[in-house]
């Protein structure tokens, strides 16, 4: 297997893992339990596809793809904007 094909397979695995992570993050934002469940099911399916690709990749080459790197993102909710220092109207 040539290097270009190997690089493409590794990239495809990485993209599937990232898609699964995005689906899990989005699932937490859905208000509907049904939508959350569908997003989580999609994440599981895409992870399974990535697992299948990794197995096929290691069978074809005898090499394992690079280890999966897990990154955690934290989103911080900001408060209301600061007062601009202008005069406030008195009731």
C-alpha atoms as a PDB file:
ATOM      1  CA  UNK A   1       0.000   0.000   0.000  1.00  0.00           C
ATOM      2  CA  UNK A   2       1.465   3.349  -0.935  1.00  0.00           C
ATOM      3  CA  UNK A   3       1.966   6.216   1.481  1.00  0.00           C
ATOM      4  CA  UNK A   4      -0.719   8.408  -0.072  1.00  0.00           C
ATOM      5  CA  UNK A   5      -3.397   5.741   0.341  1.00  0.00           C
ATOM      6  CA  UNK A   6      -2.308   5.125   3.929  1.00  0.00           C
ATOM      7  CA  UNK A   7      -2.491   8.849   4.668  1.00  0.00           C
ATOM      8  CA  UNK A   8      -5.997   9.030   3.197  1.00  0.00           C
ATOM      9  CA  UNK A   9      -7.187   6.082   5.281  1.00  0.00           C
ATOM     10  CA  UNK A  10      -5.777   7.577   8.474  1.00  0.00           C
ATOM     11  CA  UNK A  11      -7.423  10.902   7.620  1.00  0.00           C
ATOM     12  CA  UNK A  12     -10.760   9.180   7.009  1.00  0.00           C
ATOM     13  CA  UNK A  13     -10.569   7.475  10.408  1.00  0.00           C
ATOM     14  CA  UNK A  14      -9.730  10.792  12.074  1.00  0.00           C
ATOM     15  CA  UNK A  15     -12.621  12.558  10.365  1.00  0.00           C
ATOM     16  CA  UNK A  16     -15.086   9.881  11.466  1.00  0.00           C
ATOM     17  CA  UNK A  17     -13.881  10.146  15.077  1.00  0.00           C
ATOM     18  CA  UNK A  18     -14.273  13.928  14.956  1.00  0.00           C
ATOM     19  CA  UNK A  19     -17.776  13.610  13.481  1.00  0.00           C
ATOM     20  CA  UNK A  20     -18.761  11.293  16.323  1.00  0.00           C
ATOM     21  CA  UNK A  21     -17.399  13.762  18.880  1.00  0.00           C
ATOM     22  CA  UNK A  22     -19.329  16.634  17.262  1.00  0.00           C
ATOM     23  CA  UNK A  23     -22.528  14.584  17.282  1.00  0.00           C
ATOM     24  CA  UNK A  24     -22.097  13.909  21.005  1.00  0.00           C
ATOM     25  CA  UNK A  25     -21.528  17.602  21.719  1.00  0.00           C
ATOM     26  CA  UNK A  26     -24.578  18.560  19.672  1.00  0.00           C
ATOM     27  CA  UNK A  27     -26.700  15.911  21.379  1.00  0.00           C
ATOM     28  CA  UNK A  28     -26.198  17.665  24.703  1.00  0.00           C
ATOM     29  CA  UNK A  29     -27.690  20.844  23.240  1.00  0.00           C
ATOM     30  CA  UNK A  30     -30.907  19.337  21.873  1.00  0.00           C
ATOM     31  CA  UNK A  31     -34.005  19.948  23.954  1.00  0.00           C
ATOM     32  CA  UNK A  32     -35.822  16.912  22.549  1.00  0.00           C
ATOM     33  CA  UNK A  33     -34.912  13.554  24.072  1.00  0.00           C
ATOM     34  CA  UNK A  34     -35.670  11.927  20.716  1.00  0.00           C
ATOM     35  CA  UNK A  35     -33.217  14.225  18.903  1.00  0.00           C
ATOM     36  CA  UNK A  36     -30.555  13.614  21.552  1.00  0.00           C
ATOM     37  CA  UNK A  37     -30.982   9.858  21.182  1.00  0.00           C
ATOM     38  CA  UNK A  38     -30.706  10.040  17.384  1.00  0.00           C
ATOM     39  CA  UNK A  39     -27.537  12.127  17.594  1.00  0.00           C
ATOM     40  CA  UNK A  40     -25.984   9.700  20.073  1.00  0.00           C
ATOM     41  CA  UNK A  41     -26.945   6.736  17.891  1.00  0.00           C
ATOM     42  CA  UNK A  42     -25.324   8.473  14.909  1.00  0.00           C
ATOM     43  CA  UNK A  43     -22.154   9.018  16.978  1.00  0.00           C
ATOM     44  CA  UNK A  44     -22.055   5.315  17.840  1.00  0.00           C
ATOM     45  CA  UNK A  45     -22.511   4.339  14.180  1.00  0.00           C
ATOM     46  CA  UNK A  46     -19.704   6.634  13.022  1.00  0.00           C
ATOM     47  CA  UNK A  47     -17.404   5.356  15.782  1.00  0.00           C
ATOM     48  CA  UNK A  48     -18.159   1.786  14.683  1.00  0.00           C
ATOM     49  CA  UNK A  49     -17.296   2.730  11.099  1.00  0.00           C
ATOM     50  CA  UNK A  50     -13.993   4.191  12.292  1.00  0.00           C
ATOM     51  CA  UNK A  51     -13.305   0.979  14.241  1.00  0.00           C
ATOM     52  CA  UNK A  52     -13.980  -1.072  11.088  1.00  0.00           C
ATOM     53  CA  UNK A  53     -11.640   1.124   9.064  1.00  0.00           C
ATOM     54  CA  UNK A  54      -8.912   0.787  11.695  1.00  0.00           C
ATOM     55  CA  UNK A  55      -9.224  -3.009  11.643  1.00  0.00           C
ATOM     56  CA  UNK A  56      -9.145  -3.087   7.845  1.00  0.00           C
ATOM     57  CA  UNK A  57      -6.172  -0.728   7.822  1.00  0.00           C
ATOM     58  CA  UNK A  58      -4.193  -2.856  10.269  1.00  0.00           C
ATOM     59  CA  UNK A  59      -5.084  -6.061   8.361  1.00  0.00           C
ATOM     60  CA  UNK A  60      -3.932  -4.574   5.036  1.00  0.00           C
ATOM     61  CA  UNK A  61      -0.671  -3.116   6.251  1.00  0.00           C
ATOM     62  CA  UNK A  62       0.238  -4.976   9.401  1.00  0.00           C
ATOM     63  CA  UNK A  63       0.557  -1.539  10.989  1.00  0.00           C
ATOM     64  CA  UNK A  64      -1.734   0.098  13.440  1.00  0.00           C
ATOM     65  CA  UNK A  65      -2.923   3.607  12.571  1.00  0.00           C
ATOM     66  CA  UNK A  66      -1.697   6.382  14.820  1.00  0.00           C
ATOM     67  CA  UNK A  67      -3.330   6.309  18.241  1.00  0.00           C
ATOM     68  CA  UNK A  68      -6.537   8.239  18.622  1.00  0.00           C
ATOM     69  CA  UNK A  69      -6.075  11.525  20.399  1.00  0.00           C
ATOM     70  CA  UNK A  70      -8.993  12.571  22.550  1.00  0.00           C
ATOM     71  CA  UNK A  71      -9.440  16.277  23.050  1.00  0.00           C
ATOM     72  CA  UNK A  72     -11.974  17.749  25.409  1.00  0.00           C
ATOM     73  CA  UNK A  73     -13.501  21.111  24.652  1.00  0.00           C
ATOM     74  CA  UNK A  74     -15.135  23.213  27.301  1.00  0.00           C
ATOM     75  CA  UNK A  75     -17.595  25.919  26.408  1.00  0.00           C
ATOM     76  CA  UNK A  76     -17.965  28.722  28.924  1.00  0.00           C
ATOM     77  CA  UNK A  77     -21.200  30.659  29.067  1.00  0.00           C
ATOM     78  CA  UNK A  78     -20.518  34.361  29.258  1.00  0.00           C
ATOM     79  CA  UNK A  79     -22.649  36.684  31.329  1.00  0.00           C
ATOM     80  CA  UNK A  80     -24.377  39.846  30.121  1.00  0.00           C
ATOM     81  CA  UNK A  81     -22.193  42.581  28.641  1.00  0.00           C
ATOM     82  CA  UNK A  82     -20.482  44.937  31.039  1.00  0.00           C
ATOM     83  CA  UNK A  83     -22.003  48.352  31.663  1.00  0.00           C
ATOM     84  CA  UNK A  84     -20.588  50.805  29.147  1.00  0.00           C
ATOM     85  CA  UNK A  85     -20.231  53.490  31.821  1.00  0.00           C
ATOM     86  CA  UNK A  86     -23.005  55.648  30.416  1.00  0.00           C
ATOM     87  CA  UNK A  87     -25.668  57.398  32.450  1.00  0.00           C
ATOM     88  CA  UNK A  88     -28.487  55.177  33.586  1.00  0.00           C
ATOM     89  CA  UNK A  89     -32.038  56.407  33.390  1.00  0.00           C
ATOM     90  CA  UNK A  90     -33.661  56.877  36.766  1.00  0.00           C
ATOM     91  CA  UNK A  91     -37.182  55.554  37.173  1.00  0.00           C
END
